């Protein structure tokens, strides 16, 4: 892996992640240019998530808390609700187009 571990940053995100779980560390991947959160306690595959943000800030801490393994049931339920809502919206749009074309 080409990059570096971020041990200190402007908003103290790396330290705040350590307070959530001592195994967490932030890695800046030079190849992708993105920040990654890893957990050294995960064995060989330490990657937990790739951050969608260009900087380390409060959003990073919120994202890590939101995606923790303890919350998997809640996260999956939320994703399923969102997917069902989107599918219903797509069906309604398709039916509207059909009705407009027929009549």
PDB file of N, CA and C in Angstrom:
ATOM      1  N   UNK A   1       0.841  -1.177   0.000  1.00  0.00           N
ATOM      2  CA  UNK A   1       0.000   0.000   0.000  1.00  0.00           C
ATOM      3  C   UNK A   1       0.884   1.236   0.000  1.00  0.00           C
ATOM      4  N   UNK A   2       0.605   2.148  -0.890  1.00  0.00           N
ATOM      5  CA  UNK A   2       1.367   3.383  -0.942  1.00  0.00           C
ATOM      6  C   UNK A   2       0.558   4.487  -0.288  1.00  0.00           C
ATOM      7  N   UNK A   3       1.124   5.089   0.732  1.00  0.00           N
ATOM      8  CA  UNK A   3       0.443   6.151   1.464  1.00  0.00           C
ATOM      9  C   UNK A   3       1.095   6.356   2.806  1.00  0.00           C
ATOM     10  N   UNK A   4       0.351   6.982   3.690  1.00  0.00           N
ATOM     11  CA  UNK A   4       0.888   7.195   5.032  1.00  0.00           C
ATOM     12  C   UNK A   4      -0.226   7.210   6.062  1.00  0.00           C
ATOM     13  N   UNK A   5       0.135   6.830   7.249  1.00  0.00           N
ATOM     14  CA  UNK A   5      -0.796   6.865   8.366  1.00  0.00           C
ATOM     15  C   UNK A   5      -0.851   8.291   8.895  1.00  0.00           C
ATOM     16  N   UNK A   6      -2.050   8.778   9.111  1.00  0.00           N
ATOM     17  CA  UNK A   6      -2.264  10.121   9.663  1.00  0.00           C
ATOM     18  C   UNK A   6      -2.409   9.970  11.171  1.00  0.00           C
ATOM     19  N   UNK A   7      -1.437  10.478  11.895  1.00  0.00           N
ATOM     20  CA  UNK A   7      -1.469  10.356  13.350  1.00  0.00           C
ATOM     21  C   UNK A   7      -1.967  11.618  14.027  1.00  0.00           C
ATOM     22  N   UNK A   8      -1.863  12.750  13.331  1.00  0.00           N
ATOM     23  CA  UNK A   8      -2.298  14.022  13.891  1.00  0.00           C
ATOM     24  C   UNK A   8      -2.869  14.866  12.761  1.00  0.00           C
ATOM     25  N   UNK A   9      -3.955  15.552  13.031  1.00  0.00           N
ATOM     26  CA  UNK A   9      -4.577  16.386  12.007  1.00  0.00           C
ATOM     27  C   UNK A   9      -5.185  17.615  12.673  1.00  0.00           C
ATOM     28  N   UNK A  10      -5.582  18.560  11.868  1.00  0.00           N
ATOM     29  CA  UNK A  10      -6.068  19.857  12.337  1.00  0.00           C
ATOM     30  C   UNK A  10      -7.206  19.738  13.340  1.00  0.00           C
ATOM     31  N   UNK A  11      -8.175  18.864  13.081  1.00  0.00           N
ATOM     32  CA  UNK A  11      -9.347  18.754  13.942  1.00  0.00           C
ATOM     33  C   UNK A  11      -9.271  17.598  14.937  1.00  0.00           C
ATOM     34  N   UNK A  12      -8.135  16.942  15.019  1.00  0.00           N
ATOM     35  CA  UNK A  12      -7.967  15.852  15.969  1.00  0.00           C
ATOM     36  C   UNK A  12      -8.804  14.623  15.657  1.00  0.00           C
ATOM     37  N   UNK A  13      -9.129  14.422  14.381  1.00  0.00           N
ATOM     38  CA  UNK A  13      -9.977  13.302  13.981  1.00  0.00           C
ATOM     39  C   UNK A  13      -9.308  11.969  14.300  1.00  0.00           C
ATOM     40  N   UNK A  14      -8.026  11.845  14.004  1.00  0.00           N
ATOM     41  CA  UNK A  14      -7.331  10.584  14.258  1.00  0.00           C
ATOM     42  C   UNK A  14      -7.397  10.218  15.742  1.00  0.00           C
ATOM     43  N   UNK A  15      -7.211  11.179  16.607  1.00  0.00           N
ATOM     44  CA  UNK A  15      -7.282  10.932  18.050  1.00  0.00           C
ATOM     45  C   UNK A  15      -8.718  10.614  18.472  1.00  0.00           C
ATOM     46  N   UNK A  16      -9.682  11.286  17.885  1.00  0.00           N
ATOM     47  CA  UNK A  16     -11.087  11.028  18.235  1.00  0.00           C
ATOM     48  C   UNK A  16     -11.510   9.627  17.816  1.00  0.00           C
ATOM     49  N   UNK A  17     -10.987   9.161  16.677  1.00  0.00           N
ATOM     50  CA  UNK A  17     -11.298   7.797  16.256  1.00  0.00           C
ATOM     51  C   UNK A  17     -10.685   6.791  17.225  1.00  0.00           C
ATOM     52  N   UNK A  18      -9.484   7.074  17.698  1.00  0.00           N
ATOM     53  CA  UNK A  18      -8.835   6.197  18.684  1.00  0.00           C
ATOM     54  C   UNK A  18      -9.672   6.109  19.959  1.00  0.00           C
ATOM     55  N   UNK A  19     -10.363   7.208  20.313  1.00  0.00           N
ATOM     56  CA  UNK A  19     -11.187   7.177  21.525  1.00  0.00           C
ATOM     57  C   UNK A  19     -12.435   6.309  21.329  1.00  0.00           C
ATOM     58  N   UNK A  20     -12.872   6.128  20.084  1.00  0.00           N
ATOM     59  CA  UNK A  20     -14.001   5.244  19.784  1.00  0.00           C
ATOM     60  C   UNK A  20     -13.545   3.798  19.855  1.00  0.00           C
ATOM     61  N   UNK A  21     -12.400   3.508  19.231  1.00  0.00           N
ATOM     62  CA  UNK A  21     -11.834   2.160  19.221  1.00  0.00           C
ATOM     63  C   UNK A  21     -10.324   2.319  19.073  1.00  0.00           C
ATOM     64  N   UNK A  22      -9.591   1.781  20.005  1.00  0.00           N
ATOM     65  CA  UNK A  22      -8.134   1.951  20.030  1.00  0.00           C
ATOM     66  C   UNK A  22      -7.443   1.396  18.789  1.00  0.00           C
ATOM     67  N   UNK A  23      -8.103   0.495  18.071  1.00  0.00           N
ATOM     68  CA  UNK A  23      -7.500  -0.095  16.881  1.00  0.00           C
ATOM     69  C   UNK A  23      -7.623   0.756  15.624  1.00  0.00           C
ATOM     70  N   UNK A  24      -8.485   1.785  15.660  1.00  0.00           N
ATOM     71  CA  UNK A  24      -8.687   2.614  14.472  1.00  0.00           C
ATOM     72  C   UNK A  24      -7.444   3.428  14.128  1.00  0.00           C
ATOM     73  N   UNK A  25      -7.190   3.559  12.832  1.00  0.00           N
ATOM     74  CA  UNK A  25      -6.193   4.511  12.355  1.00  0.00           C
ATOM     75  C   UNK A  25      -6.608   4.997  10.973  1.00  0.00           C
ATOM     76  N   UNK A  26      -6.165   6.202  10.638  1.00  0.00           N
ATOM     77  CA  UNK A  26      -6.493   6.824   9.353  1.00  0.00           C
ATOM     78  C   UNK A  26      -5.285   6.679   8.444  1.00  0.00           C
ATOM     79  N   UNK A  27      -5.565   6.302   7.209  1.00  0.00           N
ATOM     80  CA  UNK A  27      -4.515   6.101   6.211  1.00  0.00           C
ATOM     81  C   UNK A  27      -4.860   6.947   4.990  1.00  0.00           C
ATOM     82  N   UNK A  28      -3.911   7.736   4.516  1.00  0.00           N
ATOM     83  CA  UNK A  28      -4.080   8.485   3.275  1.00  0.00           C
ATOM     84  C   UNK A  28      -3.472   7.643   2.164  1.00  0.00           C
ATOM     85  N   UNK A  29      -4.328   7.150   1.277  1.00  0.00           N
ATOM     86  CA  UNK A  29      -3.898   6.296   0.175  1.00  0.00           C
ATOM     87  C   UNK A  29      -3.437   7.197  -0.966  1.00  0.00           C
ATOM     88  N   UNK A  30      -2.156   7.173  -1.276  1.00  0.00           N
ATOM     89  CA  UNK A  30      -1.619   8.028  -2.331  1.00  0.00           C
ATOM     90  C   UNK A  30      -2.136   7.628  -3.710  1.00  0.00           C
ATOM     91  N   UNK A  31      -2.390   6.355  -3.906  1.00  0.00           N
ATOM     92  CA  UNK A  31      -2.850   5.882  -5.219  1.00  0.00           C
ATOM     93  C   UNK A  31      -4.238   6.432  -5.554  1.00  0.00           C
ATOM     94  N   UNK A  32      -5.139   6.423  -4.572  1.00  0.00           N
ATOM     95  CA  UNK A  32      -6.513   6.890  -4.811  1.00  0.00           C
ATOM     96  C   UNK A  32      -6.714   8.337  -4.380  1.00  0.00           C
ATOM     97  N   UNK A  33      -5.813   8.836  -3.535  1.00  0.00           N
ATOM     98  CA  UNK A  33      -5.960  10.196  -3.022  1.00  0.00           C
ATOM     99  C   UNK A  33      -7.048  10.314  -1.972  1.00  0.00           C
ATOM    100  N   UNK A  34      -7.485   9.189  -1.412  1.00  0.00           N
ATOM    101  CA  UNK A  34      -8.584   9.197  -0.449  1.00  0.00           C
ATOM    102  C   UNK A  34      -8.118   8.750   0.923  1.00  0.00           C
ATOM    103  N   UNK A  35      -8.865   9.216   1.923  1.00  0.00           N
ATOM    104  CA  UNK A  35      -8.620   8.788   3.288  1.00  0.00           C
ATOM    105  C   UNK A  35      -9.352   7.477   3.540  1.00  0.00           C
ATOM    106  N   UNK A  36      -8.710   6.603   4.293  1.00  0.00           N
ATOM    107  CA  UNK A  36      -9.292   5.308   4.648  1.00  0.00           C
ATOM    108  C   UNK A  36      -9.217   5.152   6.158  1.00  0.00           C
ATOM    109  N   UNK A  37     -10.225   4.514   6.718  1.00  0.00           N
ATOM    110  CA  UNK A  37     -10.195   4.182   8.139  1.00  0.00           C
ATOM    111  C   UNK A  37      -9.943   2.685   8.240  1.00  0.00           C
ATOM    112  N   UNK A  38      -8.940   2.328   9.014  1.00  0.00           N
ATOM    113  CA  UNK A  38      -8.546   0.939   9.222  1.00  0.00           C
ATOM    114  C   UNK A  38      -8.657   0.613  10.704  1.00  0.00           C
ATOM    115  N   UNK A  39      -8.699  -0.687  11.001  1.00  0.00           N
ATOM    116  CA  UNK A  39      -8.672  -1.130  12.390  1.00  0.00           C
ATOM    117  C   UNK A  39      -7.625  -2.228  12.506  1.00  0.00           C
ATOM    118  N   UNK A  40      -6.598  -1.941  13.279  1.00  0.00           N
ATOM    119  CA  UNK A  40      -5.481  -2.880  13.417  1.00  0.00           C
ATOM    120  C   UNK A  40      -5.893  -4.176  14.107  1.00  0.00           C
ATOM    121  N   UNK A  41      -7.038  -4.188  14.744  1.00  0.00           N
ATOM    122  CA  UNK A  41      -7.512  -5.380  15.443  1.00  0.00           C
ATOM    123  C   UNK A  41      -8.285  -6.323  14.514  1.00  0.00           C
ATOM    124  N   UNK A  42      -8.406  -5.974  13.228  1.00  0.00           N
ATOM    125  CA  UNK A  42      -9.140  -6.801  12.268  1.00  0.00           C
ATOM    126  C   UNK A  42      -8.278  -7.880  11.619  1.00  0.00           C
ATOM    127  N   UNK A  43      -7.062  -8.036  12.037  1.00  0.00           N
ATOM    128  CA  UNK A  43      -6.184  -9.037  11.442  1.00  0.00           C
ATOM    129  C   UNK A  43      -5.524  -8.509  10.180  1.00  0.00           C
ATOM    130  N   UNK A  44      -5.445  -9.360   9.155  1.00  0.00           N
ATOM    131  CA  UNK A  44      -4.738  -8.998   7.925  1.00  0.00           C
ATOM    132  C   UNK A  44      -5.484  -7.943   7.111  1.00  0.00           C
ATOM    133  N   UNK A  45      -6.797  -8.018   7.062  1.00  0.00           N
ATOM    134  CA  UNK A  45      -7.588  -7.061   6.295  1.00  0.00           C
ATOM    135  C   UNK A  45      -8.092  -5.968   7.230  1.00  0.00           C
ATOM    136  N   UNK A  46      -7.332  -4.884   7.332  1.00  0.00           N
ATOM    137  CA  UNK A  46      -7.633  -3.856   8.323  1.00  0.00           C
ATOM    138  C   UNK A  46      -8.610  -2.797   7.838  1.00  0.00           C
ATOM    139  N   UNK A  47      -8.881  -2.736   6.531  1.00  0.00           N
ATOM    140  CA  UNK A  47      -9.731  -1.681   5.981  1.00  0.00           C
ATOM    141  C   UNK A  47     -11.157  -1.781   6.519  1.00  0.00           C
ATOM    142  N   UNK A  48     -11.657  -0.677   7.055  1.00  0.00           N
ATOM    143  CA  UNK A  48     -13.040  -0.601   7.534  1.00  0.00           C
ATOM    144  C   UNK A  48     -13.911   0.171   6.549  1.00  0.00           C
ATOM    145  N   UNK A  49     -13.427   1.338   6.124  1.00  0.00           N
ATOM    146  CA  UNK A  49     -14.175   2.112   5.147  1.00  0.00           C
ATOM    147  C   UNK A  49     -13.288   3.143   4.470  1.00  0.00           C
ATOM    148  N   UNK A  50     -13.683   3.477   3.247  1.00  0.00           N
ATOM    149  CA  UNK A  50     -13.024   4.539   2.495  1.00  0.00           C
ATOM    150  C   UNK A  50     -13.910   5.757   2.643  1.00  0.00           C
ATOM    151  N   UNK A  51     -13.322   6.857   3.069  1.00  0.00           N
ATOM    152  CA  UNK A  51     -14.116   8.056   3.339  1.00  0.00           C
ATOM    153  C   UNK A  51     -14.481   8.785   2.048  1.00  0.00           C
ATOM    154  N   UNK A  52     -15.716   9.254   1.958  1.00  0.00           N
ATOM    155  CA  UNK A  52     -16.144   9.980   0.758  1.00  0.00           C
ATOM    156  C   UNK A  52     -15.801  11.470   0.803  1.00  0.00           C
ATOM    157  N   UNK A  53     -15.060  11.890   1.814  1.00  0.00           N
ATOM    158  CA  UNK A  53     -14.757  13.306   2.014  1.00  0.00           C
ATOM    159  C   UNK A  53     -13.297  13.608   1.669  1.00  0.00           C
ATOM    160  N   UNK A  54     -13.034  14.794   1.130  1.00  0.00           N
ATOM    161  CA  UNK A  54     -11.654  15.143   0.762  1.00  0.00           C
ATOM    162  C   UNK A  54     -10.787  15.587   1.940  1.00  0.00           C
ATOM    163  N   UNK A  55     -11.423  15.845   3.090  1.00  0.00           N
ATOM    164  CA  UNK A  55     -10.681  16.279   4.270  1.00  0.00           C
ATOM    165  C   UNK A  55     -11.155  15.496   5.488  1.00  0.00           C
ATOM    166  N   UNK A  56     -10.342  15.523   6.534  1.00  0.00           N
ATOM    167  CA  UNK A  56     -10.736  14.899   7.803  1.00  0.00           C
ATOM    168  C   UNK A  56     -11.426  15.953   8.654  1.00  0.00           C
ATOM    169  N   UNK A  57     -12.660  15.681   9.041  1.00  0.00           N
ATOM    170  CA  UNK A  57     -13.399  16.601   9.887  1.00  0.00           C
ATOM    171  C   UNK A  57     -14.483  15.838  10.635  1.00  0.00           C
ATOM    172  N   UNK A  58     -15.421  16.533  11.238  1.00  0.00           N
ATOM    173  CA  UNK A  58     -16.471  15.916  12.053  1.00  0.00           C
ATOM    174  C   UNK A  58     -17.270  14.872  11.279  1.00  0.00           C
ATOM    175  N   UNK A  59     -17.427  15.066   9.971  1.00  0.00           N
ATOM    176  CA  UNK A  59     -18.161  14.087   9.165  1.00  0.00           C
ATOM    177  C   UNK A  59     -17.506  12.712   9.238  1.00  0.00           C
ATOM    178  N   UNK A  60     -16.188  12.696   9.313  1.00  0.00           N
ATOM    179  CA  UNK A  60     -15.451  11.434   9.410  1.00  0.00           C
ATOM    180  C   UNK A  60     -15.828  10.693  10.686  1.00  0.00           C
ATOM    181  N   UNK A  61     -15.836  11.403  11.795  1.00  0.00           N
ATOM    182  CA  UNK A  61     -16.175  10.785  13.076  1.00  0.00           C
ATOM    183  C   UNK A  61     -17.611  10.262  13.038  1.00  0.00           C
ATOM    184  N   UNK A  62     -18.531  11.060  12.500  1.00  0.00           N
ATOM    185  CA  UNK A  62     -19.933  10.623  12.400  1.00  0.00           C
ATOM    186  C   UNK A  62     -20.078   9.386  11.521  1.00  0.00           C
ATOM    187  N   UNK A  63     -19.378   9.379  10.389  1.00  0.00           N
ATOM    188  CA  UNK A  63     -19.452   8.245   9.462  1.00  0.00           C
ATOM    189  C   UNK A  63     -18.930   6.964  10.121  1.00  0.00           C
ATOM    190  N   UNK A  64     -17.822   7.066  10.840  1.00  0.00           N
ATOM    191  CA  UNK A  64     -17.260   5.900  11.514  1.00  0.00           C
ATOM    192  C   UNK A  64     -18.221   5.388  12.580  1.00  0.00           C
ATOM    193  N   UNK A  65     -18.789   6.289  13.367  1.00  0.00           N
ATOM    194  CA  UNK A  65     -19.759   5.860  14.382  1.00  0.00           C
ATOM    195  C   UNK A  65     -20.970   5.206  13.731  1.00  0.00           C
ATOM    196  N   UNK A  66     -21.443   5.781  12.636  1.00  0.00           N
ATOM    197  CA  UNK A  66     -22.627   5.265  11.952  1.00  0.00           C
ATOM    198  C   UNK A  66     -22.398   3.868  11.385  1.00  0.00           C
ATOM    199  N   UNK A  67     -21.199   3.599  10.892  1.00  0.00           N
ATOM    200  CA  UNK A  67     -20.933   2.332  10.209  1.00  0.00           C
ATOM    201  C   UNK A  67     -20.320   1.267  11.111  1.00  0.00           C
ATOM    202  N   UNK A  68     -20.274   1.491  12.394  1.00  0.00           N
ATOM    203  CA  UNK A  68     -19.705   0.482  13.303  1.00  0.00           C
ATOM    204  C   UNK A  68     -20.504  -0.815  13.250  1.00  0.00           C
ATOM    205  N   UNK A  69     -19.833  -1.906  13.459  1.00  0.00           N
ATOM    206  CA  UNK A  69     -20.442  -3.243  13.384  1.00  0.00           C
ATOM    207  C   UNK A  69     -21.630  -3.388  14.332  1.00  0.00           C
ATOM    208  N   UNK A  70     -21.591  -2.724  15.468  1.00  0.00           N
ATOM    209  CA  UNK A  70     -22.682  -2.824  16.433  1.00  0.00           C
ATOM    210  C   UNK A  70     -23.998  -2.282  15.870  1.00  0.00           C
ATOM    211  N   UNK A  71     -23.914  -1.443  14.849  1.00  0.00           N
ATOM    212  CA  UNK A  71     -25.102  -0.815  14.281  1.00  0.00           C
ATOM    213  C   UNK A  71     -25.559  -1.479  12.980  1.00  0.00           C
ATOM    214  N   UNK A  72     -25.013  -2.620  12.637  1.00  0.00           N
ATOM    215  CA  UNK A  72     -25.272  -3.226  11.331  1.00  0.00           C
ATOM    216  C   UNK A  72     -26.761  -3.437  11.071  1.00  0.00           C
ATOM    217  N   UNK A  73     -27.498  -3.916  12.061  1.00  0.00           N
ATOM    218  CA  UNK A  73     -28.929  -4.142  11.873  1.00  0.00           C
ATOM    219  C   UNK A  73     -29.649  -2.838  11.530  1.00  0.00           C
ATOM    220  N   UNK A  74     -29.358  -1.790  12.271  1.00  0.00           N
ATOM    221  CA  UNK A  74     -29.987  -0.495  12.032  1.00  0.00           C
ATOM    222  C   UNK A  74     -29.617   0.064  10.658  1.00  0.00           C
ATOM    223  N   UNK A  75     -28.352  -0.056  10.285  1.00  0.00           N
ATOM    224  CA  UNK A  75     -27.895   0.446   8.984  1.00  0.00           C
ATOM    225  C   UNK A  75     -28.574  -0.321   7.845  1.00  0.00           C
ATOM    226  N   UNK A  76     -28.650  -1.635   7.959  1.00  0.00           N
ATOM    227  CA  UNK A  76     -29.293  -2.437   6.920  1.00  0.00           C
ATOM    228  C   UNK A  76     -30.783  -2.120   6.802  1.00  0.00           C
ATOM    229  N   UNK A  77     -31.459  -1.939   7.931  1.00  0.00           N
ATOM    230  CA  UNK A  77     -32.878  -1.586   7.903  1.00  0.00           C
ATOM    231  C   UNK A  77     -33.086  -0.243   7.212  1.00  0.00           C
ATOM    232  N   UNK A  78     -32.224   0.706   7.513  1.00  0.00           N
ATOM    233  CA  UNK A  78     -32.308   2.020   6.885  1.00  0.00           C
ATOM    234  C   UNK A  78     -32.092   1.917   5.381  1.00  0.00           C
ATOM    235  N   UNK A  79     -31.112   1.115   4.960  1.00  0.00           N
ATOM    236  CA  UNK A  79     -30.847   0.940   3.525  1.00  0.00           C
ATOM    237  C   UNK A  79     -32.042   0.272   2.843  1.00  0.00           C
ATOM    238  N   UNK A  80     -32.624  -0.719   3.488  1.00  0.00           N
ATOM    239  CA  UNK A  80     -33.772  -1.405   2.896  1.00  0.00           C
ATOM    240  C   UNK A  80     -34.970  -0.471   2.763  1.00  0.00           C
ATOM    241  N   UNK A  81     -35.210   0.376   3.769  1.00  0.00           N
ATOM    242  CA  UNK A  81     -36.299   1.366   3.684  1.00  0.00           C
ATOM    243  C   UNK A  81     -36.059   2.334   2.527  1.00  0.00           C
ATOM    244  N   UNK A  82     -34.826   2.834   2.416  1.00  0.00           N
ATOM    245  CA  UNK A  82     -34.499   3.768   1.341  1.00  0.00           C
ATOM    246  C   UNK A  82     -34.654   3.113  -0.028  1.00  0.00           C
ATOM    247  N   UNK A  83     -34.195   1.879  -0.157  1.00  0.00           N
ATOM    248  CA  UNK A  83     -34.321   1.171  -1.436  1.00  0.00           C
ATOM    249  C   UNK A  83     -35.775   0.924  -1.794  1.00  0.00           C
ATOM    250  N   UNK A  84     -36.610   0.559  -0.818  1.00  0.00           N
ATOM    251  CA  UNK A  84     -38.034   0.333  -1.071  1.00  0.00           C
ATOM    252  C   UNK A  84     -38.715   1.631  -1.489  1.00  0.00           C
ATOM    253  N   UNK A  85     -38.372   2.729  -0.836  1.00  0.00           N
ATOM    254  CA  UNK A  85     -38.949   4.027  -1.197  1.00  0.00           C
ATOM    255  C   UNK A  85     -38.569   4.420  -2.623  1.00  0.00           C
ATOM    256  N   UNK A  86     -37.301   4.241  -2.972  1.00  0.00           N
ATOM    257  CA  UNK A  86     -36.849   4.571  -4.330  1.00  0.00           C
ATOM    258  C   UNK A  86     -37.519   3.689  -5.374  1.00  0.00           C
ATOM    259  N   UNK A  87     -37.679   2.406  -5.078  1.00  0.00           N
ATOM    260  CA  UNK A  87     -38.342   1.489  -6.015  1.00  0.00           C
ATOM    261  C   UNK A  87     -39.789   1.901  -6.215  1.00  0.00           C
ATOM    262  N   UNK A  88     -40.476   2.294  -5.144  1.00  0.00           N
ATOM    263  CA  UNK A  88     -41.871   2.745  -5.251  1.00  0.00           C
ATOM    264  C   UNK A  88     -41.961   4.023  -6.089  1.00  0.00           C
ATOM    265  N   UNK A  89     -41.011   4.932  -5.904  1.00  0.00           N
ATOM    266  CA  UNK A  89     -40.992   6.167  -6.700  1.00  0.00           C
ATOM    267  C   UNK A  89     -40.770   5.852  -8.178  1.00  0.00           C
ATOM    268  N   UNK A  90     -39.870   4.923  -8.476  1.00  0.00           N
ATOM    269  CA  UNK A  90     -39.609   4.548  -9.868  1.00  0.00           C
ATOM    270  C   UNK A  90     -40.834   3.899 -10.502  1.00  0.00           C
ATOM    271  N   UNK A  91     -41.517   3.042  -9.743  1.00  0.00           N
ATOM    272  CA  UNK A  91     -42.743   2.413 -10.257  1.00  0.00           C
ATOM    273  C   UNK A  91     -43.800   3.468 -10.552  1.00  0.00           C
ATOM    274  N   UNK A  92     -43.958   4.409  -9.642  1.00  0.00           N
ATOM    275  CA  UNK A  92     -44.960   5.462  -9.819  1.00  0.00           C
ATOM    276  C   UNK A  92     -44.642   6.315 -11.044  1.00  0.00           C
ATOM    277  N   UNK A  93     -43.373   6.651 -11.245  1.00  0.00           N
ATOM    278  CA  UNK A  93     -42.987   7.429 -12.433  1.00  0.00           C
ATOM    279  C   UNK A  93     -43.259   6.631 -13.708  1.00  0.00           C
ATOM    280  N   UNK A  94     -42.915   5.350 -13.690  1.00  0.00           N
ATOM    281  CA  UNK A  94     -43.132   4.506 -14.873  1.00  0.00           C
ATOM    282  C   UNK A  94     -44.620   4.387 -15.183  1.00  0.00           C
ATOM    283  N   UNK A  95     -45.436   4.175 -14.167  1.00  0.00           N
ATOM    284  CA  UNK A  95     -46.882   4.087 -14.380  1.00  0.00           C
ATOM    285  C   UNK A  95     -47.450   5.414 -14.878  1.00  0.00           C
ATOM    286  N   UNK A  96     -46.913   6.506 -14.374  1.00  0.00           N
ATOM    287  CA  UNK A  96     -47.350   7.834 -14.856  1.00  0.00           C
ATOM    288  C   UNK A  96     -47.030   8.032 -16.327  1.00  0.00           C
ATOM    289  N   UNK A  97     -45.851   7.601 -16.737  1.00  0.00           N
ATOM    290  CA  UNK A  97     -45.467   7.705 -18.152  1.00  0.00           C
ATOM    291  C   UNK A  97     -46.355   6.836 -19.028  1.00  0.00           C
ATOM    292  N   UNK A  98     -46.651   5.638 -18.550  1.00  0.00           N
ATOM    293  CA  UNK A  98     -47.535   4.730 -19.311  1.00  0.00           C
ATOM    294  C   UNK A  98     -48.923   5.330 -19.451  1.00  0.00           C
ATOM    295  N   UNK A  99     -49.438   5.858 -18.329  1.00  0.00           N
ATOM    296  CA  UNK A  99     -50.773   6.462 -18.366  1.00  0.00           C
ATOM    297  C   UNK A  99     -50.805   7.662 -19.300  1.00  0.00           C
ATOM    298  N   UNK A 100     -49.746   8.472 -19.290  1.00  0.00           N
ATOM    299  CA  UNK A 100     -49.680   9.643 -20.181  1.00  0.00           C
ATOM    300  C   UNK A 100     -49.609   9.228 -21.636  1.00  0.00           C
ATOM    301  N   UNK A 101     -48.886   8.143 -21.913  1.00  0.00           N
ATOM    302  CA  UNK A 101     -48.751   7.670 -23.281  1.00  0.00           C
ATOM    303  C   UNK A 101     -50.062   7.066 -23.795  1.00  0.00           C
ATOM    304  N   UNK A 102     -50.829   6.453 -22.930  1.00  0.00           N
ATOM    305  CA  UNK A 102     -52.100   5.834 -23.326  1.00  0.00           C
ATOM    306  C   UNK A 102     -53.236   6.831 -23.418  1.00  0.00           C
ATOM    307  N   UNK A 103     -53.064   7.918 -22.745  1.00  0.00           N
ATOM    308  CA  UNK A 103     -54.175   8.694 -22.747  1.00  0.00           C
ATOM    309  C   UNK A 103     -54.530  10.013 -22.699  1.00  0.00           C
TER     310      UNK A 103
END
